[in-house]
Amino acid sequence: MSKTPLIASAVLVAGAALAVLVVLPAETGWDPTGVGAQLGLTEIADPVGPETERGQLRMEQQEVLRPSETAPDPLPGVSDSWEVELAPFESVEFKYTIPEGQPIAFRWEASAPLHYDMHAHPFEGGTDLTESYGIGDAEAMGGIYTPAFTGIHGWFWENRSMSTVTLRLVASGAMTTSTIYTEAGEQERPLEGAAATPQGSVAGHAMQESEPASE
């Protein structure tokens, strides 16, 4: 009996195991076995960049984000809610225009963990001055967010699972415009009761790039 089929099968199994244990965590951050995190491979997919460093420095200097385990009480101003379904490895970015020092209350919840990046950038200086205030994987996040500058503020989410995930965001406060970014382009959303902003909308902002295997 030839051993060739057995060897070929063993090679295929080993290759599949290598992909699950090493390649997927390093390239996409998806770590179904947990081995990738133990080996530090998930950090390759989500390296600490200057945006995170700027955000950490900002939060050391002032209270930008006050997290809450439950939905915070609504704030005066605009009330907004939004829901979307994300297919496997699909991503979306959601942004508000918010004036400096004007807080919003927010909470987003997902039917399964999503990779997220909460970040912002000012109108003056643009995306080169982006600050990230939280990057990770979670099913929910909420609190009071007080912008350190007038500009574009929001979240990037990516579904790194093999199942469709439903995401819902509820927010209230001083938001003036809202825009959604997907691979298909950008879509402005009307905010009922929002005051016009002299800085305009989110012109000049591009969707965050998805992770290598997939804002």
N, C-alpha and C. Protein backbone atom coordinates (compact mmCIF):
# COMPACT_ATOMS: atom_id res chain seq x y z
N MET A 1 0.84 -1.20 0.00
CA MET A 1 0.00 0.00 0.00
C MET A 1 0.88 1.25 0.00
N SER A 2 0.57 2.19 -0.88
CA SER A 2 1.37 3.40 -0.98
C SER A 2 1.12 4.31 0.22
N LYS A 3 2.20 4.93 0.70
CA LYS A 3 2.08 5.85 1.82
C LYS A 3 1.83 7.28 1.34
N THR A 4 1.85 7.48 0.03
CA THR A 4 1.69 8.84 -0.51
C THR A 4 0.40 9.52 -0.07
N PRO A 5 -0.78 8.83 -0.18
CA PRO A 5 -2.02 9.48 0.27
C PRO A 5 -2.00 9.85 1.75
N LEU A 6 -1.39 8.97 2.57
CA LEU A 6 -1.33 9.26 4.00
C LEU A 6 -0.46 10.48 4.26
N ILE A 7 0.66 10.57 3.56
CA ILE A 7 1.56 11.71 3.73
C ILE A 7 0.87 13.00 3.29
N ALA A 8 0.17 12.90 2.15
CA ALA A 8 -0.53 14.09 1.64
C ALA A 8 -1.60 14.55 2.62
N SER A 9 -2.32 13.59 3.20
CA SER A 9 -3.36 13.94 4.17
C SER A 9 -2.75 14.59 5.41
N ALA A 10 -1.62 14.05 5.85
CA ALA A 10 -0.96 14.60 7.02
C ALA A 10 -0.50 16.03 6.76
N VAL A 11 0.00 16.27 5.55
CA VAL A 11 0.45 17.62 5.19
C VAL A 11 -0.72 18.60 5.19
N LEU A 12 -1.85 18.16 4.65
CA LEU A 12 -3.03 19.02 4.61
C LEU A 12 -3.52 19.35 6.01
N VAL A 13 -3.56 18.33 6.87
CA VAL A 13 -4.00 18.55 8.25
C VAL A 13 -3.06 19.51 8.97
N ALA A 14 -1.76 19.30 8.78
CA ALA A 14 -0.78 20.17 9.42
C ALA A 14 -0.91 21.60 8.92
N GLY A 15 -1.15 21.74 7.62
CA GLY A 15 -1.31 23.08 7.05
C GLY A 15 -2.53 23.79 7.60
N ALA A 16 -3.63 23.05 7.73
CA ALA A 16 -4.85 23.64 8.27
C ALA A 16 -4.65 24.06 9.73
N ALA A 17 -3.98 23.19 10.48
CA ALA A 17 -3.72 23.51 11.89
C ALA A 17 -2.84 24.74 12.02
N LEU A 18 -1.84 24.85 11.15
CA LEU A 18 -0.94 26.01 11.18
C LEU A 18 -1.71 27.28 10.87
N ALA A 19 -2.64 27.19 9.92
CA ALA A 19 -3.43 28.37 9.57
C ALA A 19 -4.28 28.84 10.74
N VAL A 20 -4.91 27.89 11.44
CA VAL A 20 -5.78 28.24 12.56
C VAL A 20 -4.98 28.75 13.75
N LEU A 21 -3.83 28.11 14.02
CA LEU A 21 -3.04 28.44 15.20
C LEU A 21 -2.19 29.68 15.02
N VAL A 22 -1.69 29.92 13.80
CA VAL A 22 -0.69 30.97 13.59
C VAL A 22 -1.13 32.03 12.59
N VAL A 23 -1.50 31.61 11.39
CA VAL A 23 -1.74 32.57 10.30
C VAL A 23 -2.93 33.48 10.59
N LEU A 24 -4.08 32.90 10.95
CA LEU A 24 -5.27 33.71 11.20
C LEU A 24 -5.08 34.72 12.34
N PRO A 25 -4.51 34.33 13.49
CA PRO A 25 -4.30 35.32 14.55
C PRO A 25 -3.37 36.45 14.13
N ALA A 26 -2.32 36.11 13.36
CA ALA A 26 -1.34 37.13 12.98
C ALA A 26 -1.87 38.08 11.92
N GLU A 27 -2.65 37.55 10.96
CA GLU A 27 -3.08 38.38 9.84
C GLU A 27 -4.43 39.03 10.05
N THR A 28 -5.33 38.40 10.81
CA THR A 28 -6.68 38.95 10.96
C THR A 28 -7.05 39.26 12.40
N GLY A 29 -6.28 38.75 13.37
CA GLY A 29 -6.65 38.93 14.76
C GLY A 29 -7.66 37.92 15.26
N TRP A 30 -8.18 37.07 14.36
CA TRP A 30 -9.14 36.04 14.77
C TRP A 30 -8.37 34.88 15.37
N ASP A 31 -8.65 34.57 16.63
CA ASP A 31 -7.87 33.59 17.38
C ASP A 31 -8.80 32.56 18.02
N PRO A 32 -9.35 31.63 17.24
CA PRO A 32 -10.35 30.69 17.77
C PRO A 32 -9.82 29.77 18.85
N THR A 33 -8.52 29.49 18.86
CA THR A 33 -7.97 28.56 19.85
C THR A 33 -7.37 29.25 21.06
N GLY A 34 -7.07 30.54 20.95
CA GLY A 34 -6.42 31.26 22.04
C GLY A 34 -4.91 31.14 22.02
N VAL A 35 -4.37 30.28 21.17
CA VAL A 35 -2.92 30.09 21.09
C VAL A 35 -2.25 31.35 20.54
N GLY A 36 -2.92 32.00 19.59
CA GLY A 36 -2.34 33.21 18.99
C GLY A 36 -2.08 34.29 20.02
N ALA A 37 -3.02 34.48 20.95
CA ALA A 37 -2.83 35.49 21.99
C ALA A 37 -1.68 35.12 22.91
N GLN A 38 -1.58 33.82 23.25
CA GLN A 38 -0.50 33.37 24.13
C GLN A 38 0.87 33.57 23.48
N LEU A 39 0.91 33.46 22.16
CA LEU A 39 2.17 33.64 21.44
C LEU A 39 2.41 35.09 21.03
N GLY A 40 1.45 35.96 21.31
CA GLY A 40 1.60 37.36 20.94
C GLY A 40 1.33 37.64 19.48
N LEU A 41 0.71 36.69 18.79
CA LEU A 41 0.50 36.86 17.35
C LEU A 41 -0.62 37.83 17.03
N THR A 42 -1.63 37.95 17.91
CA THR A 42 -2.73 38.87 17.64
C THR A 42 -2.26 40.32 17.65
N GLU A 43 -1.15 40.59 18.33
CA GLU A 43 -0.62 41.95 18.35
C GLU A 43 -0.07 42.35 16.99
N ILE A 44 0.30 41.36 16.17
CA ILE A 44 0.78 41.66 14.83
C ILE A 44 -0.35 42.23 13.99
N ALA A 45 -1.56 41.70 14.16
CA ALA A 45 -2.71 42.19 13.41
C ALA A 45 -3.15 43.56 13.90
N ASP A 46 -2.92 43.86 15.17
CA ASP A 46 -3.34 45.14 15.74
C ASP A 46 -2.15 45.81 16.45
N PRO A 47 -1.17 46.28 15.70
CA PRO A 47 -0.01 46.89 16.32
C PRO A 47 -0.36 48.22 16.99
N VAL A 48 0.38 48.57 18.04
CA VAL A 48 0.19 49.85 18.70
C VAL A 48 0.83 50.93 17.84
N GLY A 49 0.03 51.85 17.34
CA GLY A 49 0.53 52.88 16.45
C GLY A 49 0.48 54.25 17.11
N PRO A 50 0.85 55.28 16.36
CA PRO A 50 0.85 56.63 16.92
C PRO A 50 -0.54 57.10 17.33
N GLU A 51 -1.60 56.59 16.66
CA GLU A 51 -2.96 56.98 17.05
C GLU A 51 -3.26 56.55 18.48
N THR A 52 -2.86 55.31 18.80
CA THR A 52 -3.09 54.79 20.16
C THR A 52 -2.25 55.55 21.17
N GLU A 53 -1.01 55.85 20.81
CA GLU A 53 -0.13 56.58 21.73
C GLU A 53 -0.68 57.97 22.01
N ARG A 54 -1.18 58.64 20.96
CA ARG A 54 -1.76 59.97 21.18
C ARG A 54 -3.01 59.89 22.05
N GLY A 55 -3.83 58.85 21.81
CA GLY A 55 -5.04 58.69 22.60
C GLY A 55 -4.74 58.41 24.06
N GLN A 56 -3.75 57.56 24.32
CA GLN A 56 -3.39 57.24 25.70
C GLN A 56 -2.86 58.48 26.42
N LEU A 57 -2.05 59.26 25.72
CA LEU A 57 -1.52 60.49 26.31
C LEU A 57 -2.65 61.46 26.62
N ARG A 58 -3.59 61.57 25.71
CA ARG A 58 -4.72 62.47 25.92
C ARG A 58 -5.52 62.06 27.16
N MET A 59 -5.79 60.76 27.30
CA MET A 59 -6.60 60.29 28.42
C MET A 59 -5.87 60.41 29.74
N GLU A 60 -4.54 60.47 29.70
CA GLU A 60 -3.78 60.71 30.92
C GLU A 60 -3.89 62.17 31.36
N GLN A 61 -4.13 63.05 30.39
CA GLN A 61 -4.18 64.48 30.67
C GLN A 61 -5.58 65.00 30.99
N GLN A 62 -6.61 64.35 30.44
CA GLN A 62 -7.97 64.80 30.69
C GLN A 62 -8.95 63.64 30.55
N GLU A 63 -10.13 63.80 31.13
CA GLU A 63 -11.14 62.74 31.08
C GLU A 63 -11.93 62.85 29.78
N VAL A 64 -11.47 62.13 28.78
CA VAL A 64 -12.16 62.10 27.50
C VAL A 64 -13.29 61.08 27.52
N LEU A 65 -13.01 59.93 28.11
CA LEU A 65 -13.98 58.83 28.12
C LEU A 65 -14.21 58.34 29.53
N ARG A 66 -15.47 58.35 29.96
CA ARG A 66 -15.84 57.79 31.26
C ARG A 66 -16.70 56.56 31.00
N PRO A 67 -16.10 55.37 31.02
CA PRO A 67 -16.83 54.15 30.68
C PRO A 67 -17.93 53.83 31.69
N SER A 68 -18.94 53.10 31.20
CA SER A 68 -20.04 52.67 32.06
C SER A 68 -20.41 51.25 31.70
N GLU A 69 -20.64 50.42 32.72
CA GLU A 69 -21.02 49.03 32.48
C GLU A 69 -22.45 48.91 31.96
N THR A 70 -23.26 49.92 32.24
CA THR A 70 -24.65 49.93 31.78
C THR A 70 -24.87 51.16 30.91
N ALA A 71 -26.02 51.22 30.27
CA ALA A 71 -26.34 52.36 29.42
C ALA A 71 -26.41 53.64 30.25
N PRO A 72 -25.67 54.68 29.89
CA PRO A 72 -25.71 55.92 30.66
C PRO A 72 -27.04 56.66 30.44
N ASP A 73 -27.37 57.54 31.37
CA ASP A 73 -28.58 58.35 31.21
C ASP A 73 -28.44 59.24 29.98
N PRO A 74 -29.52 59.43 29.23
CA PRO A 74 -29.46 60.28 28.04
C PRO A 74 -29.08 61.72 28.40
N LEU A 75 -28.39 62.39 27.47
CA LEU A 75 -28.02 63.78 27.66
C LEU A 75 -28.91 64.68 26.80
N PRO A 76 -29.08 65.94 27.19
CA PRO A 76 -29.88 66.87 26.38
C PRO A 76 -29.26 67.04 25.00
N GLY A 77 -30.09 67.29 24.02
CA GLY A 77 -29.60 67.48 22.66
C GLY A 77 -30.24 66.50 21.70
N VAL A 78 -29.43 65.95 20.84
CA VAL A 78 -29.89 65.01 19.82
C VAL A 78 -29.96 63.60 20.39
N SER A 79 -30.99 62.86 20.04
CA SER A 79 -31.09 61.43 20.37
C SER A 79 -31.00 60.65 19.07
N ASP A 80 -30.15 59.63 19.05
CA ASP A 80 -29.92 58.90 17.81
C ASP A 80 -29.78 57.41 18.10
N SER A 81 -30.23 56.59 17.16
CA SER A 81 -30.02 55.14 17.25
C SER A 81 -29.76 54.62 15.85
N TRP A 82 -29.01 53.54 15.77
CA TRP A 82 -28.61 52.99 14.48
C TRP A 82 -28.31 51.51 14.66
N GLU A 83 -28.67 50.71 13.67
CA GLU A 83 -28.46 49.26 13.73
C GLU A 83 -27.98 48.76 12.38
N VAL A 84 -27.09 47.76 12.41
CA VAL A 84 -26.55 47.20 11.18
C VAL A 84 -26.20 45.74 11.41
N GLU A 85 -26.24 44.94 10.35
CA GLU A 85 -25.78 43.56 10.39
C GLU A 85 -24.45 43.46 9.65
N LEU A 86 -23.47 42.84 10.28
CA LEU A 86 -22.15 42.67 9.68
C LEU A 86 -21.94 41.21 9.33
N ALA A 87 -21.69 40.95 8.06
CA ALA A 87 -21.39 39.60 7.60
C ALA A 87 -19.99 39.21 8.07
N PRO A 88 -19.62 37.94 8.00
CA PRO A 88 -18.28 37.52 8.40
C PRO A 88 -17.19 38.36 7.75
N PHE A 89 -16.32 38.92 8.57
CA PHE A 89 -15.18 39.73 8.16
C PHE A 89 -15.59 41.02 7.45
N GLU A 90 -16.82 41.44 7.65
CA GLU A 90 -17.26 42.74 7.13
C GLU A 90 -16.97 43.82 8.19
N SER A 91 -16.67 45.03 7.74
CA SER A 91 -16.38 46.12 8.65
C SER A 91 -17.21 47.35 8.30
N VAL A 92 -17.34 48.25 9.27
CA VAL A 92 -18.08 49.49 9.07
C VAL A 92 -17.50 50.54 10.00
N GLU A 93 -17.61 51.79 9.58
CA GLU A 93 -17.14 52.89 10.42
C GLU A 93 -18.28 53.91 10.55
N PHE A 94 -18.48 54.40 11.76
CA PHE A 94 -19.59 55.30 12.06
C PHE A 94 -19.02 56.53 12.75
N LYS A 95 -19.36 57.72 12.24
CA LYS A 95 -18.78 58.94 12.79
C LYS A 95 -19.83 60.00 13.07
N TYR A 96 -19.59 60.75 14.16
CA TYR A 96 -20.36 61.95 14.48
C TYR A 96 -19.44 63.16 14.38
N THR A 97 -20.00 64.30 14.03
CA THR A 97 -19.32 65.58 14.22
C THR A 97 -19.77 66.12 15.57
N ILE A 98 -18.80 66.44 16.44
CA ILE A 98 -19.13 66.90 17.80
C ILE A 98 -18.22 68.07 18.15
N PRO A 99 -18.76 69.14 18.73
CA PRO A 99 -17.94 70.28 19.15
C PRO A 99 -17.08 69.94 20.37
N GLU A 100 -15.98 70.63 20.51
CA GLU A 100 -15.07 70.44 21.64
C GLU A 100 -15.79 70.66 22.96
N GLY A 101 -15.55 69.74 23.89
CA GLY A 101 -16.07 69.89 25.24
C GLY A 101 -17.54 69.60 25.42
N GLN A 102 -18.24 69.20 24.34
CA GLN A 102 -19.67 68.93 24.42
C GLN A 102 -19.90 67.42 24.50
N PRO A 103 -20.31 66.88 25.64
CA PRO A 103 -20.36 65.43 25.84
C PRO A 103 -21.50 64.75 25.11
N ILE A 104 -21.31 63.47 24.86
CA ILE A 104 -22.38 62.60 24.38
C ILE A 104 -22.41 61.36 25.27
N ALA A 105 -23.60 60.81 25.43
CA ALA A 105 -23.77 59.52 26.11
C ALA A 105 -23.99 58.47 25.04
N PHE A 106 -23.33 57.34 25.16
CA PHE A 106 -23.46 56.33 24.11
C PHE A 106 -23.38 54.92 24.69
N ARG A 107 -23.93 53.99 23.94
CA ARG A 107 -23.74 52.57 24.22
C ARG A 107 -23.98 51.81 22.93
N TRP A 108 -23.05 50.93 22.60
CA TRP A 108 -23.27 50.02 21.48
C TRP A 108 -23.21 48.59 22.00
N GLU A 109 -24.05 47.75 21.41
CA GLU A 109 -24.12 46.35 21.79
C GLU A 109 -24.16 45.49 20.53
N ALA A 110 -23.54 44.34 20.59
CA ALA A 110 -23.50 43.42 19.45
C ALA A 110 -23.95 42.04 19.90
N SER A 111 -24.45 41.26 18.95
CA SER A 111 -24.93 39.92 19.27
C SER A 111 -23.78 38.94 19.48
N ALA A 112 -22.57 39.34 19.15
CA ALA A 112 -21.35 38.55 19.37
C ALA A 112 -20.19 39.54 19.38
N PRO A 113 -19.04 39.15 19.91
CA PRO A 113 -17.91 40.08 19.99
C PRO A 113 -17.50 40.64 18.63
N LEU A 114 -17.19 41.93 18.62
CA LEU A 114 -16.67 42.61 17.44
C LEU A 114 -15.33 43.24 17.78
N HIS A 115 -14.48 43.34 16.77
CA HIS A 115 -13.25 44.11 16.94
C HIS A 115 -13.62 45.58 16.77
N TYR A 116 -13.16 46.44 17.66
CA TYR A 116 -13.55 47.85 17.59
C TYR A 116 -12.36 48.77 17.78
N ASP A 117 -12.51 49.99 17.30
CA ASP A 117 -11.52 51.05 17.49
C ASP A 117 -12.30 52.35 17.65
N MET A 118 -12.30 52.91 18.85
CA MET A 118 -12.95 54.19 19.10
C MET A 118 -11.91 55.28 18.94
N HIS A 119 -12.15 56.19 18.02
CA HIS A 119 -11.12 57.18 17.72
C HIS A 119 -11.73 58.49 17.22
N ALA A 120 -10.88 59.50 17.06
CA ALA A 120 -11.35 60.81 16.64
C ALA A 120 -10.20 61.59 16.03
N HIS A 121 -10.56 62.60 15.22
CA HIS A 121 -9.53 63.52 14.74
C HIS A 121 -10.14 64.91 14.59
N PRO A 122 -9.33 65.97 14.76
CA PRO A 122 -9.84 67.34 14.67
C PRO A 122 -9.99 67.80 13.23
N PHE A 123 -10.82 68.84 13.03
CA PHE A 123 -10.90 69.42 11.69
C PHE A 123 -9.56 70.03 11.31
N GLU A 124 -8.93 70.71 12.26
CA GLU A 124 -7.63 71.32 12.00
C GLU A 124 -6.54 70.28 12.22
N GLY A 125 -5.91 69.86 11.15
CA GLY A 125 -4.88 68.82 11.24
C GLY A 125 -5.32 67.52 10.60
N GLY A 126 -6.63 67.26 10.60
CA GLY A 126 -7.16 66.10 9.89
C GLY A 126 -6.75 64.76 10.48
N THR A 127 -6.78 63.73 9.63
CA THR A 127 -6.55 62.35 10.07
C THR A 127 -5.12 62.11 10.55
N ASP A 128 -4.19 63.00 10.21
CA ASP A 128 -2.81 62.85 10.70
C ASP A 128 -2.75 62.99 12.22
N LEU A 129 -3.79 63.57 12.81
CA LEU A 129 -3.82 63.77 14.26
C LEU A 129 -4.85 62.87 14.93
N THR A 130 -5.19 61.75 14.29
CA THR A 130 -6.16 60.82 14.86
C THR A 130 -5.69 60.29 16.22
N GLU A 131 -6.63 60.21 17.16
CA GLU A 131 -6.35 59.65 18.48
C GLU A 131 -7.29 58.47 18.72
N SER A 132 -6.75 57.34 19.16
CA SER A 132 -7.56 56.16 19.48
C SER A 132 -7.72 56.06 20.99
N TYR A 133 -8.96 55.89 21.44
CA TYR A 133 -9.26 55.84 22.87
C TYR A 133 -9.61 54.44 23.35
N GLY A 134 -9.59 53.48 22.45
CA GLY A 134 -9.86 52.11 22.83
C GLY A 134 -9.87 51.21 21.63
N ILE A 135 -9.07 50.16 21.66
CA ILE A 135 -9.02 49.16 20.60
C ILE A 135 -9.08 47.79 21.25
N GLY A 136 -9.98 46.94 20.76
CA GLY A 136 -10.08 45.62 21.35
C GLY A 136 -11.21 44.82 20.75
N ASP A 137 -11.68 43.84 21.49
CA ASP A 137 -12.79 42.98 21.07
C ASP A 137 -13.80 42.94 22.20
N ALA A 138 -15.06 43.20 21.89
CA ALA A 138 -16.09 43.23 22.93
C ALA A 138 -17.46 43.07 22.31
N GLU A 139 -18.44 42.76 23.16
CA GLU A 139 -19.84 42.69 22.73
C GLU A 139 -20.57 43.98 23.03
N ALA A 140 -19.99 44.84 23.86
CA ALA A 140 -20.66 46.09 24.21
C ALA A 140 -19.65 47.09 24.76
N MET A 141 -20.02 48.36 24.65
CA MET A 141 -19.20 49.44 25.20
C MET A 141 -20.09 50.66 25.37
N GLY A 142 -19.89 51.40 26.43
CA GLY A 142 -20.70 52.59 26.64
C GLY A 142 -20.08 53.53 27.64
N GLY A 143 -20.67 54.72 27.75
CA GLY A 143 -20.17 55.69 28.69
C GLY A 143 -20.46 57.11 28.25
N ILE A 144 -19.74 58.05 28.87
CA ILE A 144 -19.83 59.47 28.51
C ILE A 144 -18.53 59.86 27.82
N TYR A 145 -18.66 60.40 26.63
CA TYR A 145 -17.49 60.80 25.85
C TYR A 145 -17.51 62.31 25.69
N THR A 146 -16.42 62.98 26.10
CA THR A 146 -16.30 64.43 25.99
C THR A 146 -15.16 64.76 25.04
N PRO A 147 -15.43 65.25 23.85
CA PRO A 147 -14.39 65.50 22.85
C PRO A 147 -13.34 66.50 23.32
N ALA A 148 -12.11 66.19 23.03
CA ALA A 148 -11.00 67.09 23.36
C ALA A 148 -10.85 68.18 22.31
N PHE A 149 -11.54 68.03 21.19
CA PHE A 149 -11.46 69.01 20.10
C PHE A 149 -12.70 68.88 19.23
N THR A 150 -13.00 69.92 18.48
CA THR A 150 -14.09 69.88 17.52
C THR A 150 -13.63 69.08 16.31
N GLY A 151 -14.40 68.08 15.92
CA GLY A 151 -13.97 67.26 14.80
C GLY A 151 -14.85 66.05 14.59
N ILE A 152 -14.22 64.98 14.13
CA ILE A 152 -14.90 63.74 13.76
C ILE A 152 -14.63 62.69 14.83
N HIS A 153 -15.69 62.09 15.35
CA HIS A 153 -15.57 61.17 16.48
C HIS A 153 -16.44 59.94 16.25
N GLY A 154 -15.91 58.76 16.54
CA GLY A 154 -16.74 57.57 16.35
C GLY A 154 -16.00 56.27 16.49
N TRP A 155 -16.49 55.27 15.77
CA TRP A 155 -16.02 53.90 15.96
C TRP A 155 -15.82 53.19 14.62
N PHE A 156 -14.88 52.28 14.63
CA PHE A 156 -14.68 51.31 13.55
C PHE A 156 -14.97 49.94 14.15
N TRP A 157 -15.79 49.15 13.46
CA TRP A 157 -16.08 47.79 13.92
C TRP A 157 -15.78 46.80 12.81
N GLU A 158 -15.30 45.62 13.20
CA GLU A 158 -15.08 44.55 12.23
C GLU A 158 -15.53 43.23 12.83
N ASN A 159 -16.29 42.48 12.06
CA ASN A 159 -16.74 41.16 12.47
C ASN A 159 -15.69 40.14 12.06
N ARG A 160 -14.97 39.61 13.03
CA ARG A 160 -13.90 38.66 12.74
C ARG A 160 -14.34 37.22 12.97
N SER A 161 -15.62 36.99 12.95
CA SER A 161 -16.14 35.64 13.14
C SER A 161 -16.70 35.11 11.83
N MET A 162 -17.17 33.87 11.87
CA MET A 162 -17.74 33.25 10.67
C MET A 162 -19.27 33.33 10.66
N SER A 163 -19.84 34.13 11.58
CA SER A 163 -21.29 34.29 11.65
C SER A 163 -21.66 35.76 11.53
N THR A 164 -22.87 36.02 11.06
CA THR A 164 -23.36 37.39 10.97
C THR A 164 -23.61 37.95 12.37
N VAL A 165 -23.23 39.19 12.59
CA VAL A 165 -23.37 39.84 13.90
C VAL A 165 -24.22 41.10 13.74
N THR A 166 -25.19 41.28 14.64
CA THR A 166 -26.02 42.48 14.65
C THR A 166 -25.46 43.48 15.64
N LEU A 167 -25.30 44.72 15.20
CA LEU A 167 -24.73 45.79 16.01
C LEU A 167 -25.76 46.91 16.15
N ARG A 168 -25.92 47.42 17.37
CA ARG A 168 -26.84 48.52 17.60
C ARG A 168 -26.15 49.60 18.44
N LEU A 169 -26.29 50.85 18.02
CA LEU A 169 -25.71 52.00 18.71
C LEU A 169 -26.82 52.97 19.11
N VAL A 170 -26.76 53.43 20.35
CA VAL A 170 -27.68 54.46 20.85
C VAL A 170 -26.83 55.59 21.43
N ALA A 171 -27.13 56.83 21.06
CA ALA A 171 -26.34 57.96 21.54
C ALA A 171 -27.23 59.18 21.72
N SER A 172 -26.78 60.09 22.58
CA SER A 172 -27.49 61.34 22.80
C SER A 172 -26.49 62.41 23.20
N GLY A 173 -26.82 63.66 22.87
CA GLY A 173 -25.92 64.74 23.23
C GLY A 173 -25.74 65.75 22.12
N ALA A 174 -24.50 66.23 21.97
CA ALA A 174 -24.23 67.38 21.12
C ALA A 174 -23.78 67.03 19.71
N MET A 175 -24.16 65.87 19.20
CA MET A 175 -23.77 65.51 17.84
C MET A 175 -24.45 66.45 16.84
N THR A 176 -23.74 66.79 15.74
CA THR A 176 -24.32 67.68 14.73
C THR A 176 -24.49 67.02 13.37
N THR A 177 -23.64 66.08 13.01
CA THR A 177 -23.81 65.32 11.77
C THR A 177 -23.41 63.87 12.02
N SER A 178 -23.80 62.99 11.11
CA SER A 178 -23.48 61.57 11.23
C SER A 178 -23.20 61.00 9.85
N THR A 179 -22.16 60.18 9.75
CA THR A 179 -21.79 59.57 8.47
C THR A 179 -21.36 58.13 8.69
N ILE A 180 -21.78 57.25 7.77
CA ILE A 180 -21.39 55.84 7.79
C ILE A 180 -20.40 55.60 6.66
N TYR A 181 -19.35 54.82 6.95
CA TYR A 181 -18.36 54.46 5.94
C TYR A 181 -18.31 52.94 5.79
N THR A 182 -18.46 52.48 4.56
CA THR A 182 -18.33 51.06 4.26
C THR A 182 -17.43 50.92 3.04
N GLU A 183 -17.19 49.68 2.64
CA GLU A 183 -16.37 49.47 1.46
C GLU A 183 -17.04 50.04 0.21
N ALA A 184 -18.36 50.22 0.26
CA ALA A 184 -19.09 50.77 -0.89
C ALA A 184 -19.01 52.29 -0.95
N GLY A 185 -18.53 52.92 0.11
CA GLY A 185 -18.45 54.37 0.12
C GLY A 185 -19.00 54.96 1.41
N GLU A 186 -19.33 56.25 1.38
CA GLU A 186 -19.84 56.92 2.56
C GLU A 186 -21.29 57.34 2.38
N GLN A 187 -22.00 57.39 3.49
CA GLN A 187 -23.41 57.74 3.47
C GLN A 187 -23.71 58.66 4.65
N GLU A 188 -24.17 59.87 4.36
CA GLU A 188 -24.54 60.80 5.42
C GLU A 188 -25.90 60.44 5.98
N ARG A 189 -26.04 60.57 7.30
CA ARG A 189 -27.30 60.28 7.97
C ARG A 189 -27.86 61.56 8.59
N PRO A 190 -29.13 61.84 8.39
CA PRO A 190 -29.72 63.01 9.03
C PRO A 190 -29.88 62.78 10.53
N LEU A 191 -29.64 63.83 11.31
CA LEU A 191 -29.85 63.78 12.75
C LEU A 191 -30.96 64.76 13.09
N GLU A 192 -32.11 64.24 13.48
CA GLU A 192 -33.25 65.10 13.77
C GLU A 192 -32.96 65.98 14.98
N GLY A 193 -33.12 67.28 14.78
CA GLY A 193 -32.91 68.22 15.88
C GLY A 193 -31.48 68.71 16.01
N ALA A 194 -30.57 68.24 15.15
CA ALA A 194 -29.17 68.65 15.25
C ALA A 194 -28.99 70.05 14.70
N ALA A 195 -28.19 70.85 15.39
CA ALA A 195 -27.89 72.20 14.93
C ALA A 195 -26.81 72.14 13.86
N ALA A 196 -26.86 73.07 12.93
CA ALA A 196 -25.85 73.11 11.87
C ALA A 196 -24.49 73.42 12.47
N THR A 197 -23.45 72.82 11.94
CA THR A 197 -22.10 73.05 12.43
C THR A 197 -21.32 73.89 11.43
N PRO A 198 -20.64 74.94 11.87
CA PRO A 198 -19.91 75.80 10.93
C PRO A 198 -18.74 75.09 10.27
N GLN A 199 -18.27 73.99 10.89
CA GLN A 199 -17.15 73.27 10.31
C GLN A 199 -17.58 72.36 9.17
N GLY A 200 -18.88 72.20 8.98
CA GLY A 200 -19.35 71.34 7.90
C GLY A 200 -19.43 69.90 8.34
N SER A 201 -19.42 69.00 7.38
CA SER A 201 -19.57 67.58 7.68
C SER A 201 -18.21 66.92 7.80
N VAL A 202 -18.15 65.64 7.48
CA VAL A 202 -16.92 64.89 7.66
C VAL A 202 -16.11 64.85 6.36
N ALA A 203 -16.20 65.88 5.58
CA ALA A 203 -15.46 65.93 4.32
C ALA A 203 -13.98 65.71 4.56
N GLY A 204 -13.38 64.89 3.73
CA GLY A 204 -11.96 64.63 3.84
C GLY A 204 -11.62 63.41 4.66
N HIS A 205 -12.63 62.81 5.30
CA HIS A 205 -12.38 61.60 6.08
C HIS A 205 -12.59 60.38 5.22
N ALA A 206 -11.71 59.43 5.32
CA ALA A 206 -11.85 58.17 4.58
C ALA A 206 -12.02 57.04 5.56
N MET A 207 -12.71 55.99 5.13
CA MET A 207 -12.93 54.85 6.01
C MET A 207 -11.61 54.24 6.43
N GLN A 208 -11.52 53.89 7.71
CA GLN A 208 -10.34 53.22 8.23
C GLN A 208 -10.11 51.94 7.46
N GLU A 209 -8.85 51.64 7.15
CA GLU A 209 -8.55 50.43 6.40
C GLU A 209 -8.85 49.21 7.24
N SER A 210 -9.43 48.19 6.60
CA SER A 210 -9.70 46.94 7.28
C SER A 210 -8.40 46.22 7.54
N GLU A 211 -8.47 45.20 8.37
CA GLU A 211 -7.29 44.40 8.64
C GLU A 211 -6.88 43.64 7.38
N PRO A 212 -5.62 43.19 7.29
CA PRO A 212 -5.09 42.60 6.06
C PRO A 212 -5.95 41.55 5.40
N ALA A 213 -6.61 40.67 6.17
CA ALA A 213 -7.34 39.57 5.56
C ALA A 213 -8.75 39.96 5.15
N SER A 214 -9.24 41.15 5.64
CA SER A 214 -10.62 41.52 5.41
C SER A 214 -10.81 42.09 4.02
N GLU A 215 -12.48 52.80 9.44
CA GLU A 215 -12.37 52.63 9.32
C GLU A 215 -12.40 53.49 7.36
